[in-house]
């Protein structure tokens, strides 16, 4: 399937619309949790997490491209678009 035909869902975050590709990808098979479920969860703990010692930055970003049971890698730098995101309340 060509990249232009990949399923995408628009999600609003910090006042911006963000395209989530492959939203039905299962990340946690035992619980049936999808990529879109994870994306929708993140705003819930963020107000409390951002007040911690991390200064509003994630401590570690571990990516699981093939789901939680697949290979993983550490993302060393946040995407350039993340630098301008409003991380306020």
C-alpha atoms as a PDB file:
ATOM      1  CA  UNK A   1       0.000   0.000   0.000  1.00  0.00           C
ATOM      2  CA  UNK A   2       1.439   3.387  -0.932  1.00  0.00           C
ATOM      3  CA  UNK A   3       1.979   5.980   1.834  1.00  0.00           C
ATOM      4  CA  UNK A   4      -0.803   8.176   0.435  1.00  0.00           C
ATOM      5  CA  UNK A   5      -3.349   5.371   0.954  1.00  0.00           C
ATOM      6  CA  UNK A   6      -2.427   4.615   4.582  1.00  0.00           C
ATOM      7  CA  UNK A   7      -5.388   5.106   6.910  1.00  0.00           C
ATOM      8  CA  UNK A   8      -5.098   8.280   8.986  1.00  0.00           C
ATOM      9  CA  UNK A   9      -7.182   9.841  11.740  1.00  0.00           C
ATOM     10  CA  UNK A  10      -6.976  13.489  12.783  1.00  0.00           C
ATOM     11  CA  UNK A  11      -6.657  14.078  16.529  1.00  0.00           C
ATOM     12  CA  UNK A  12      -6.619  17.477  18.238  1.00  0.00           C
ATOM     13  CA  UNK A  13      -3.760  17.988  20.698  1.00  0.00           C
ATOM     14  CA  UNK A  14      -2.620  21.253  22.261  1.00  0.00           C
ATOM     15  CA  UNK A  15      -4.849  23.173  19.862  1.00  0.00           C
ATOM     16  CA  UNK A  16      -3.375  21.493  16.774  1.00  0.00           C
ATOM     17  CA  UNK A  17      -4.666  18.759  14.485  1.00  0.00           C
ATOM     18  CA  UNK A  18      -2.275  15.851  14.241  1.00  0.00           C
ATOM     19  CA  UNK A  19      -2.591  13.044  11.679  1.00  0.00           C
ATOM     20  CA  UNK A  20      -2.244   9.596  13.236  1.00  0.00           C
ATOM     21  CA  UNK A  21      -1.272   6.980  10.672  1.00  0.00           C
ATOM     22  CA  UNK A  22      -2.355   3.373  11.053  1.00  0.00           C
ATOM     23  CA  UNK A  23      -4.675   4.081  14.035  1.00  0.00           C
ATOM     24  CA  UNK A  24      -5.949   0.480  14.191  1.00  0.00           C
ATOM     25  CA  UNK A  25      -2.452  -0.985  14.741  1.00  0.00           C
ATOM     26  CA  UNK A  26      -2.611  -3.129  17.889  1.00  0.00           C
ATOM     27  CA  UNK A  27       0.030  -2.135  20.452  1.00  0.00           C
ATOM     28  CA  UNK A  28      -1.070  -4.284  23.398  1.00  0.00           C
ATOM     29  CA  UNK A  29      -2.638  -7.484  22.007  1.00  0.00           C
ATOM     30  CA  UNK A  30      -3.735  -8.986  25.329  1.00  0.00           C
ATOM     31  CA  UNK A  31      -5.845  -5.901  26.122  1.00  0.00           C
ATOM     32  CA  UNK A  32      -6.719  -5.063  22.494  1.00  0.00           C
ATOM     33  CA  UNK A  33      -5.266  -1.542  22.849  1.00  0.00           C
ATOM     34  CA  UNK A  34      -4.564   0.205  19.535  1.00  0.00           C
ATOM     35  CA  UNK A  35      -2.285   3.045  18.533  1.00  0.00           C
ATOM     36  CA  UNK A  36      -5.277   5.411  18.555  1.00  0.00           C
ATOM     37  CA  UNK A  37      -6.201   4.269  22.085  1.00  0.00           C
ATOM     38  CA  UNK A  38      -2.678   5.154  23.267  1.00  0.00           C
ATOM     39  CA  UNK A  39      -2.776   8.555  21.526  1.00  0.00           C
ATOM     40  CA  UNK A  40      -6.111   9.359  23.167  1.00  0.00           C
ATOM     41  CA  UNK A  41      -4.784   8.300  26.590  1.00  0.00           C
ATOM     42  CA  UNK A  42      -1.723  10.596  26.708  1.00  0.00           C
ATOM     43  CA  UNK A  43      -3.582  13.878  27.403  1.00  0.00           C
ATOM     44  CA  UNK A  44      -5.069  12.408  30.602  1.00  0.00           C
ATOM     45  CA  UNK A  45      -1.863  12.101  32.715  1.00  0.00           C
ATOM     46  CA  UNK A  46      -0.007  14.974  31.019  1.00  0.00           C
ATOM     47  CA  UNK A  47      -1.074  17.829  33.376  1.00  0.00           C
ATOM     48  CA  UNK A  48       0.337  15.890  36.349  1.00  0.00           C
ATOM     49  CA  UNK A  49       3.389  14.497  34.540  1.00  0.00           C
ATOM     50  CA  UNK A  50       4.530  17.854  33.165  1.00  0.00           C
ATOM     51  CA  UNK A  51       4.857  19.233  36.691  1.00  0.00           C
ATOM     52  CA  UNK A  52       7.575  16.714  37.553  1.00  0.00           C
ATOM     53  CA  UNK A  53      11.349  17.066  37.533  1.00  0.00           C
ATOM     54  CA  UNK A  54      11.575  16.372  33.777  1.00  0.00           C
ATOM     55  CA  UNK A  55      10.865  20.020  33.014  1.00  0.00           C
ATOM     56  CA  UNK A  56       8.083  19.167  30.546  1.00  0.00           C
ATOM     57  CA  UNK A  57      10.234  16.760  28.507  1.00  0.00           C
ATOM     58  CA  UNK A  58       9.855  12.978  28.311  1.00  0.00           C
ATOM     59  CA  UNK A  59      12.540  11.090  30.221  1.00  0.00           C
ATOM     60  CA  UNK A  60      12.787   8.333  27.624  1.00  0.00           C
ATOM     61  CA  UNK A  61      11.025   7.801  24.319  1.00  0.00           C
ATOM     62  CA  UNK A  62      10.977   4.126  23.392  1.00  0.00           C
ATOM     63  CA  UNK A  63       9.315   3.274  20.068  1.00  0.00           C
ATOM     64  CA  UNK A  64       7.701  -0.088  19.314  1.00  0.00           C
ATOM     65  CA  UNK A  65       7.062  -0.023  15.569  1.00  0.00           C
ATOM     66  CA  UNK A  66       5.666  -3.576  15.515  1.00  0.00           C
ATOM     67  CA  UNK A  67       3.736  -3.476  18.780  1.00  0.00           C
ATOM     68  CA  UNK A  68       4.805  -4.048  22.362  1.00  0.00           C
ATOM     69  CA  UNK A  69       6.081  -7.590  21.690  1.00  0.00           C
ATOM     70  CA  UNK A  70       8.169  -6.579  18.659  1.00  0.00           C
ATOM     71  CA  UNK A  71      11.564  -4.984  18.346  1.00  0.00           C
ATOM     72  CA  UNK A  72      11.984  -1.532  19.869  1.00  0.00           C
ATOM     73  CA  UNK A  73      14.340   1.417  19.527  1.00  0.00           C
ATOM     74  CA  UNK A  74      15.097   4.588  21.448  1.00  0.00           C
ATOM     75  CA  UNK A  75      14.296   7.889  19.736  1.00  0.00           C
ATOM     76  CA  UNK A  76      17.072  10.271  20.706  1.00  0.00           C
ATOM     77  CA  UNK A  77      15.576  13.506  19.378  1.00  0.00           C
ATOM     78  CA  UNK A  78      12.002  14.703  19.330  1.00  0.00           C
ATOM     79  CA  UNK A  79      10.660  15.637  15.896  1.00  0.00           C
ATOM     80  CA  UNK A  80      11.170  19.323  15.005  1.00  0.00           C
ATOM     81  CA  UNK A  81       7.399  19.869  15.036  1.00  0.00           C
ATOM     82  CA  UNK A  82       7.302  18.932  18.746  1.00  0.00           C
ATOM     83  CA  UNK A  83       9.514  21.890  19.695  1.00  0.00           C
ATOM     84  CA  UNK A  84       6.724  24.372  19.013  1.00  0.00           C
ATOM     85  CA  UNK A  85       3.924  22.489  20.762  1.00  0.00           C
ATOM     86  CA  UNK A  86       2.249  24.320  23.608  1.00  0.00           C
ATOM     87  CA  UNK A  87       2.867  22.185  26.660  1.00  0.00           C
ATOM     88  CA  UNK A  88       0.892  24.381  29.007  1.00  0.00           C
ATOM     89  CA  UNK A  89      -2.299  23.401  30.777  1.00  0.00           C
END
